[in-house]
Every structure is written in C-alpha cells, then in structure tokens.
Amino acid sequence: MKPGSRNLITDVAGIAVGNAADERLKSGVTVVVCEKPAVAAVQVLGGAPGTRETDLLEAHNIVQTIDALCLSGGSAFGLDAASGVQAALREQGRGFAVGPFRIPIVPAAILFDLANGGDKDWGRYPPYRELGYAATQAAGHDFATGTAGAGTGATTATFKGGLGSASTVLDNGITVGALVAVNALGSATIGSTRHFWAAPLEEQDEFGGLGLPPAIPADARHIRTKLGAPADGPTNTTIAVIATDAILTKAEAKRLAVSAHDGFARALWPAHTPLDGDLVFAVATGATGRAVMLEEFVPLCAAAAATMARAIARGVHDAEPKAGDPLPTWREN
C-alpha cells in the first residue's frame, strides 16, 4: 500500500473537492462533489452532531446515491451551506429525478467554531449558503488543506485544527481517500509534545516525520481537552468523509464509515465524546468497476482507518497562523 499521487481524497476517481472561507468570520465550507451520483452512508459516534439529509443514507431508504457532501463551520447556522451547494448543482442539471424535477442530494454536517475569535456578527442571515455555493464552484482535484474550507476556524485542545486529507492505494489497485475537518475536544498530539498520536501510520513524512517520542512522556496519560478554556463546552466536532473507487452497496459503505472512525481513535484522544459531534460520511464512486469480496473488504476497511488517522494529523500539521487565533499552530511550536 502507498499514498496516491496527490495524497488527497481526490486520488479516488470521481471525486472533486472545493473550499470557500471568510477570514474575518474565521469559518468556511468544504464540499465533496461526486462527478457522477455515488453510493453513500454515514456513521455518527459523537454525542453532539449537527446534520442534514443523513436519514436518507440508511440502507433501507429509497434514495441510493448522492450528488455531493457538505462540511461546514458555523454550528447549526452552517447547515445553510448545503442550500448553496444544491443551488450550484441545480444550475448544472444535477439531482435525483422526481418526474420533471431534479433535486440535488447533499447530506451535510457541521462543526462548532463560533467561539474562535472570528467576527460572527453577520446580520440577519449567516453567510454559509453563499460559501457553500462558492465552494461547489471551486471544486477540483487540487485543493488547500490546513486553514482552509471547513477547517478555517477549527481548533483542538492543544493546537489550531484544520482541514486534512490523505489517500492510500491498496495492492489490488483500489484507492481509499479521507477528508476531515479537525475541530476536536481532545488532542492530536501526545501529552505536551509535538508528536502525533497517528505517528506509527505516517507516510513519507507527511505530517512532520517526528515519529513517536523516544519515550512515552508521563503526561501522555493526562487527558487534554478544551474543557476549562474560556470558551469551553460544545465548541468541537470532527467531521469527515472516507471515499473509495470500489463498488459498494449502501450497507458496505456504512461499514466503511464505521471502520474509518477507528482512525479518529488512533489520531485523537479523547474522541467520540459527548461534546463532539464526530461523524464520518462514506462514499463509493464505483469508478474501478470492481466490487470487493470479503477478503478484500477487510483490508479496505483497515486502510480506511489508517488513512483517516493520517488525514487528521495532516489537518493539524498544515494549519497556518492567522490574526486573532486563540491557539498556536503545530508549526509555530
């Protein structure tokens, strides 16, 4: 196994990604556009989720494919971003056909970044619908990570968070890619060090190449969270997408999303808390034309977890300092 040529989720054929952000707001939107309708599912393991159109992703419901996924800052205000994504896709003639009408299917999830130092005095309506539209218009195969899109205003317990991505090409030629906005209650690094919990899974020094510390520090056992900070409480949530070019059913996509959550546990401590809305969408584009047998599905799920852990570390590693940030970036320390 090795990373894809971009080491981004867009190494998965049939996937494009667009970002849009407002630096004054310290918030933004990231959109995953499926170039053709794709099978999708979702798994929510955090205790404080904020979502739109997730019920339709269950295997027993009638809509089988989606057109895009939307990740947004802004807490519940950010759910407006999906309306902007729908508007852009409708202009392109995309959507689920119901008689003469086409309805773009855009499940969405949000993270809480309201208390990050940005100016949230936006007036009557929040700006997320327009950000969603702009992110969809910007979708392509290359995109920024770190302080970008839905990761613009993200934080963790110890460092500024951000948007991360990674990919893995399995030995059988199937690709899996991860995209994640890291805004965790917990920490991506070990104790007071700069070493990432995900270090054993790192590929090609993609998040600094520090590896594990020579000895596990005593304070590694200390649980580091945002609780007790000036803006404590539900100022969290890590939201993500795991994608593959294999052919999967909705039920198999659900299992892939479940497996990708193991990457949260490998890269963040603690994860899946009552104050995180931790969520993974899974997308299968089927671009390889290959279904997977059980003996292939197991390593695909393992690769999904490892790729997600790497993407989380990259999101924190790639963050850039901006005026008014409440936390330092990993690179500044």
Protein backbone atom coordinates (compact mmCIF):
# COMPACT_ATOMS: atom_id res chain seq x y z
CA MET A 1 0.00 0.00 0.00
CA LYS A 2 1.14 3.55 -0.72
CA PRO A 3 -0.33 7.07 -0.93
CA GLY A 4 -1.89 8.18 -4.19
CA SER A 5 -0.20 10.71 -6.45
CA ARG A 6 -1.77 13.73 -4.69
CA ASN A 7 -2.15 12.14 -1.25
CA LEU A 8 -5.62 13.69 -1.21
CA ILE A 9 -9.15 12.28 -1.26
CA THR A 10 -9.27 13.31 -4.92
CA ASP A 11 -6.97 10.40 -5.76
CA VAL A 12 -10.27 8.50 -5.65
CA ALA A 13 -11.62 8.68 -9.21
CA GLY A 14 -14.93 10.50 -9.44
CA ILE A 15 -14.32 12.89 -6.52
CA ALA A 16 -13.71 16.66 -6.61
CA VAL A 17 -13.32 19.00 -3.62
CA GLY A 18 -13.89 22.73 -3.25
CA ASN A 19 -13.22 25.15 -0.40
CA ALA A 20 -14.55 28.58 0.46
CA ALA A 21 -13.84 30.64 3.57
CA ASP A 22 -14.20 34.05 5.15
CA GLU A 23 -11.09 35.06 7.11
CA ARG A 24 -12.93 37.75 9.07
CA LEU A 25 -15.51 35.18 10.07
CA LYS A 26 -12.80 32.55 10.74
CA SER A 27 -15.04 29.93 9.24
CA GLY A 28 -15.70 28.18 5.96
CA VAL A 29 -17.14 25.34 3.94
CA THR A 30 -15.72 22.32 2.15
CA VAL A 31 -17.71 20.44 -0.48
CA VAL A 32 -17.07 16.97 -1.87
CA VAL A 33 -18.66 16.78 -5.31
CA CYS A 34 -19.35 13.35 -6.80
CA GLU A 35 -18.71 13.70 -10.52
CA LYS A 36 -21.43 11.05 -11.02
CA PRO A 37 -24.07 10.08 -8.42
CA ALA A 38 -22.39 7.85 -5.84
CA VAL A 39 -23.45 5.40 -3.15
CA ALA A 40 -23.05 6.86 0.34
CA ALA A 41 -23.62 6.17 4.03
CA VAL A 42 -22.91 7.80 7.37
CA GLN A 43 -21.90 6.81 10.89
CA VAL A 44 -22.27 9.23 13.81
CA LEU A 45 -20.40 8.38 17.02
CA GLY A 46 -20.16 11.78 18.71
CA GLY A 47 -22.74 12.93 21.22
CA ALA A 48 -23.44 16.39 19.75
CA PRO A 49 -23.95 16.07 15.98
CA GLY A 50 -25.41 18.62 13.60
CA THR A 51 -26.57 17.16 10.29
CA ARG A 52 -28.82 17.47 7.26
CA GLU A 53 -30.19 14.71 4.97
CA THR A 54 -28.47 11.89 6.85
CA ASP A 55 -31.54 9.67 7.34
CA LEU A 56 -31.77 9.04 3.59
CA LEU A 57 -28.32 7.40 3.71
CA GLU A 58 -29.63 4.39 5.63
CA ALA A 59 -29.69 1.24 3.51
CA HIS A 60 -33.46 0.73 3.83
CA ASN A 61 -34.34 4.16 2.37
CA ILE A 62 -35.15 4.74 -1.28
CA VAL A 63 -32.54 7.24 -2.47
CA GLN A 64 -29.49 5.18 -3.40
CA THR A 65 -26.96 7.82 -4.44
CA ILE A 66 -25.86 11.37 -3.61
CA ASP A 67 -24.51 14.27 -5.62
CA ALA A 68 -22.29 15.94 -3.02
CA LEU A 69 -21.40 16.18 0.65
CA CYS A 70 -21.04 19.41 2.57
CA LEU A 71 -18.83 20.03 5.62
CA SER A 72 -19.23 23.42 7.26
CA GLY A 73 -18.25 25.53 10.22
CA GLY A 74 -20.82 27.71 11.94
CA SER A 75 -22.61 25.18 14.14
CA ALA A 76 -26.29 24.86 13.14
CA PHE A 77 -26.04 28.10 11.14
CA GLY A 78 -23.64 26.26 8.83
CA LEU A 79 -26.33 23.83 7.71
CA ASP A 80 -27.38 26.62 5.33
CA ALA A 81 -24.24 25.81 3.31
CA ALA A 82 -25.92 22.75 1.78
CA SER A 83 -28.55 25.03 0.21
CA GLY A 84 -25.78 26.84 -1.66
CA VAL A 85 -24.34 23.52 -2.81
CA GLN A 86 -27.79 22.48 -4.03
CA ALA A 87 -28.17 25.75 -5.93
CA ALA A 88 -24.86 25.25 -7.75
CA LEU A 89 -25.66 21.64 -8.62
CA ARG A 90 -29.16 22.54 -9.78
CA GLU A 91 -27.64 25.02 -12.21
CA GLN A 92 -25.61 22.09 -13.57
CA GLY A 93 -28.74 19.98 -14.04
CA ARG A 94 -27.73 17.56 -11.27
CA GLY A 95 -30.09 15.78 -8.91
CA PHE A 96 -32.45 12.93 -8.08
CA ALA A 97 -35.18 12.80 -10.71
CA VAL A 98 -38.77 13.10 -9.48
CA GLY A 99 -40.95 13.48 -12.56
CA PRO A 100 -39.79 16.65 -14.35
CA PHE A 101 -37.91 17.87 -11.28
CA ARG A 102 -34.32 17.27 -10.21
CA ILE A 103 -33.36 17.53 -6.56
CA PRO A 104 -29.62 17.58 -5.77
CA ILE A 105 -28.96 15.24 -2.84
CA VAL A 106 -26.45 16.92 -0.48
CA PRO A 107 -26.08 15.47 3.02
CA ALA A 108 -24.23 17.85 5.34
CA ALA A 109 -22.56 18.07 8.73
CA ILE A 110 -21.31 20.99 10.80
CA LEU A 111 -18.73 21.75 13.46
CA PHE A 112 -18.82 24.41 16.17
CA ASP A 113 -16.32 27.22 15.51
CA LEU A 114 -18.32 30.21 16.73
CA ALA A 115 -16.03 30.98 19.70
CA ASN A 116 -12.73 31.05 17.81
CA GLY A 117 -12.09 34.81 17.66
CA GLY A 118 -13.80 35.49 14.34
CA ASP A 119 -16.44 38.14 13.77
CA LYS A 120 -19.78 36.32 13.80
CA ASP A 121 -21.91 39.48 13.66
CA TRP A 122 -23.22 38.67 10.18
CA GLY A 123 -26.60 40.36 10.44
CA ARG A 124 -29.92 38.70 9.67
CA TYR A 125 -28.71 35.71 7.66
CA PRO A 126 -25.45 33.79 8.06
CA PRO A 127 -23.12 33.67 5.01
CA TYR A 128 -22.88 29.90 4.74
CA ARG A 129 -25.28 29.47 1.81
CA GLU A 130 -23.05 31.69 -0.33
CA LEU A 131 -19.92 29.92 0.95
CA GLY A 132 -21.45 26.58 0.00
CA TYR A 133 -22.18 27.85 -3.50
CA ALA A 134 -18.65 29.23 -3.89
CA ALA A 135 -17.05 26.02 -2.62
CA THR A 136 -19.01 23.97 -5.15
CA GLN A 137 -17.98 26.29 -7.97
CA ALA A 138 -14.34 25.90 -6.87
CA ALA A 139 -14.39 22.09 -6.82
CA GLY A 140 -11.45 20.38 -8.49
CA HIS A 141 -8.81 17.73 -7.93
CA ASP A 142 -6.34 20.01 -6.12
CA PHE A 143 -7.36 21.94 -3.02
CA ALA A 144 -5.83 23.55 0.05
CA THR A 145 -5.52 21.82 3.41
CA GLY A 146 -4.90 23.22 6.89
CA THR A 147 -6.53 26.63 7.40
CA ALA A 148 -8.98 26.21 4.55
CA GLY A 149 -12.63 25.47 3.95
CA ALA A 150 -14.44 23.86 6.87
CA GLY A 151 -11.13 23.74 8.76
CA THR A 152 -10.59 27.51 8.66
CA GLY A 153 -11.60 28.15 12.25
CA ALA A 154 -11.03 24.70 13.71
CA THR A 155 -9.19 24.09 17.00
CA THR A 156 -8.10 21.16 19.16
CA ALA A 157 -7.21 21.01 22.84
CA THR A 158 -3.56 21.87 22.20
CA PHE A 159 -3.12 23.35 18.71
CA LYS A 160 -5.12 25.00 15.97
CA GLY A 161 -7.04 22.43 13.94
CA GLY A 162 -7.64 22.37 10.22
CA LEU A 163 -8.66 20.53 7.07
CA GLY A 164 -6.72 17.35 6.38
CA SER A 165 -6.66 14.78 3.62
CA ALA A 166 -4.77 11.62 2.69
CA SER A 167 -5.07 8.65 0.35
CA THR A 168 -3.98 5.02 0.08
CA VAL A 169 -3.72 2.80 -2.99
CA LEU A 170 -4.16 -0.82 -1.97
CA ASP A 171 -2.19 -3.64 -3.54
CA ASN A 172 -5.26 -4.65 -5.58
CA GLY A 173 -5.40 -1.17 -7.17
CA ILE A 174 -8.41 0.10 -5.21
CA THR A 175 -7.96 3.59 -3.74
CA VAL A 176 -9.32 4.94 -0.47
CA GLY A 177 -9.16 8.62 0.46
CA ALA A 178 -10.03 10.65 3.54
CA LEU A 179 -11.02 14.27 4.10
CA VAL A 180 -11.53 15.69 7.59
CA ALA A 181 -12.16 18.98 9.36
CA VAL A 182 -10.40 18.56 12.72
CA ASN A 183 -12.10 20.54 15.50
CA ALA A 184 -11.77 18.05 18.33
CA LEU A 185 -12.43 18.44 22.04
CA GLY A 186 -9.30 16.36 22.54
CA SER A 187 -5.75 16.48 21.24
CA ALA A 188 -4.00 15.08 18.15
CA THR A 189 -0.61 15.13 19.90
CA ILE A 190 0.88 13.09 22.73
CA GLY A 191 0.92 14.87 26.08
CA SER A 192 2.82 18.16 25.90
CA THR A 193 4.90 17.01 22.92
CA ARG A 194 4.54 17.77 19.21
CA HIS A 195 4.46 14.05 18.36
CA PHE A 196 1.20 12.92 16.75
CA TRP A 197 -0.81 10.01 18.09
CA ALA A 198 -1.06 8.91 14.42
CA ALA A 199 2.75 8.76 14.05
CA PRO A 200 3.01 4.96 13.51
CA LEU A 201 0.82 5.32 10.40
CA GLU A 202 2.65 8.28 8.81
CA GLU A 203 3.65 8.03 5.14
CA GLN A 204 6.61 9.92 3.66
CA ASP A 205 6.93 12.48 6.49
CA GLU A 206 3.51 13.86 5.54
CA PHE A 207 2.95 15.44 8.95
CA GLY A 208 6.45 16.33 10.07
CA GLY A 209 8.22 12.98 10.30
CA LEU A 210 8.77 13.19 14.07
CA GLY A 211 7.57 9.65 14.70
CA LEU A 212 6.80 8.63 18.25
CA PRO A 213 8.72 10.22 21.14
CA PRO A 214 11.82 8.27 22.29
CA ALA A 215 9.93 7.50 25.49
CA ILE A 216 6.24 7.99 26.13
CA PRO A 217 6.06 11.05 28.41
CA ALA A 218 4.37 10.73 31.77
CA ASP A 219 1.86 13.42 30.84
CA ALA A 220 0.66 11.33 27.90
CA ARG A 221 -1.79 9.82 30.35
CA HIS A 222 -3.21 13.23 31.12
CA ILE A 223 -6.43 13.77 29.18
CA ARG A 224 -6.15 17.10 27.39
CA THR A 225 -9.40 18.73 26.30
CA LYS A 226 -10.87 22.18 25.75
CA LEU A 227 -12.85 21.91 28.98
CA GLY A 228 -11.89 24.73 31.32
CA ALA A 229 -10.87 27.01 28.45
CA PRO A 230 -12.59 30.42 28.24
CA ALA A 231 -14.97 29.09 25.59
CA ASP A 232 -15.44 25.55 26.84
CA GLY A 233 -18.43 23.35 26.16
CA PRO A 234 -19.65 22.17 22.74
CA THR A 235 -17.01 24.09 20.74
CA ASN A 236 -15.98 20.94 18.96
CA THR A 237 -16.67 18.18 16.42
CA THR A 238 -14.54 16.39 13.86
CA ILE A 239 -16.41 15.74 10.61
CA ALA A 240 -15.04 13.61 7.81
CA VAL A 241 -15.51 11.79 4.52
CA ILE A 242 -13.99 8.44 3.55
CA ALA A 243 -14.19 7.60 -0.15
CA THR A 244 -13.27 4.70 -2.39
CA ASP A 245 -13.42 3.92 -6.10
CA ALA A 246 -14.68 0.39 -5.42
CA ILE A 247 -18.30 -0.64 -5.99
CA LEU A 248 -20.05 -0.86 -2.61
CA THR A 249 -23.65 -1.28 -1.50
CA LYS A 250 -25.09 1.22 0.95
CA ALA A 251 -24.65 -1.36 3.71
CA GLU A 252 -20.99 -1.87 2.79
CA ALA A 253 -20.47 1.89 2.67
CA LYS A 254 -21.90 2.08 6.18
CA ARG A 255 -19.37 -0.50 7.36
CA LEU A 256 -16.58 1.53 5.71
CA ALA A 257 -17.71 4.62 7.65
CA VAL A 258 -17.72 2.61 10.89
CA SER A 259 -14.18 1.42 10.19
CA ALA A 260 -12.96 4.92 9.38
CA HIS A 261 -13.99 6.00 12.88
CA ASP A 262 -11.15 3.80 14.14
CA GLY A 263 -8.89 6.42 12.58
CA PHE A 264 -10.39 9.02 14.92
CA ALA A 265 -9.45 6.83 17.87
CA ARG A 266 -5.92 6.34 16.51
CA ALA A 267 -5.33 10.07 15.94
CA LEU A 268 -7.31 11.91 18.65
CA TRP A 269 -7.56 11.41 22.39
CA PRO A 270 -10.24 11.51 23.57
CA ALA A 271 -12.52 11.06 20.58
CA HIS A 272 -16.27 10.46 20.20
CA THR A 273 -17.06 12.37 23.39
CA PRO A 274 -20.49 13.66 24.46
CA LEU A 275 -19.30 17.15 23.43
CA ASP A 276 -18.11 16.14 19.93
CA GLY A 277 -20.45 15.54 17.01
CA ASP A 278 -17.93 13.16 15.42
CA LEU A 279 -19.23 11.85 12.11
CA VAL A 280 -17.92 10.04 9.01
CA PHE A 281 -19.62 10.00 5.63
CA ALA A 282 -18.60 7.16 3.30
CA VAL A 283 -18.76 7.45 -0.49
CA ALA A 284 -18.21 4.76 -3.11
CA THR A 285 -17.85 6.09 -6.65
CA GLY A 286 -17.50 2.65 -8.24
CA ALA A 287 -15.09 4.14 -10.79
CA THR A 288 -12.94 0.97 -10.87
CA GLY A 289 -15.94 -1.11 -11.90
CA ARG A 290 -14.91 -3.61 -9.23
CA ALA A 291 -16.96 -4.96 -6.36
CA VAL A 292 -14.96 -6.27 -3.41
CA MET A 293 -15.05 -9.73 -1.94
CA LEU A 294 -14.94 -10.19 1.83
CA GLU A 295 -11.24 -10.96 1.80
CA GLU A 296 -10.67 -7.60 0.02
CA PHE A 297 -13.16 -5.66 2.10
CA VAL A 298 -11.29 -6.30 5.37
CA PRO A 299 -8.02 -4.63 4.21
CA LEU A 300 -10.08 -1.84 2.61
CA CYS A 301 -11.66 -1.10 5.99
CA ALA A 302 -8.26 -1.24 7.72
CA ALA A 303 -6.83 1.16 5.14
CA ALA A 304 -9.80 3.47 5.69
CA ALA A 305 -8.94 3.73 9.40
CA ALA A 306 -5.24 4.33 8.76
CA THR A 307 -5.91 6.88 6.02
CA MET A 308 -8.35 8.78 8.24
CA ALA A 309 -5.81 8.92 11.09
CA ARG A 310 -3.20 10.33 8.71
CA ALA A 311 -5.65 12.93 7.38
CA ILE A 312 -6.41 14.09 10.93
CA ALA A 313 -2.73 14.60 11.73
CA ARG A 314 -2.23 16.43 8.43
CA GLY A 315 -5.11 18.79 9.21
CA VAL A 316 -3.39 19.90 12.41
CA HIS A 317 0.09 19.89 10.87
CA ASP A 318 -0.95 22.04 7.89
CA ALA A 319 -2.75 24.79 9.85
CA GLU A 320 -1.43 28.32 9.37
CA PRO A 321 -1.37 31.16 11.91
CA LYS A 322 -3.86 34.00 11.45
CA ALA A 323 -4.53 37.19 13.42
CA GLY A 324 -6.72 36.63 16.44
CA ASP A 325 -6.19 32.87 16.68
CA PRO A 326 -6.99 31.50 20.15
CA LEU A 327 -4.32 28.78 19.84
CA PRO A 328 -0.88 28.40 18.25
CA THR A 329 -0.38 26.22 15.20
CA TRP A 330 1.63 23.00 15.35
CA ARG A 331 4.32 24.55 13.15
CA GLU A 332 4.78 27.53 15.49
CA ASN A 333 5.81 25.37 18.47
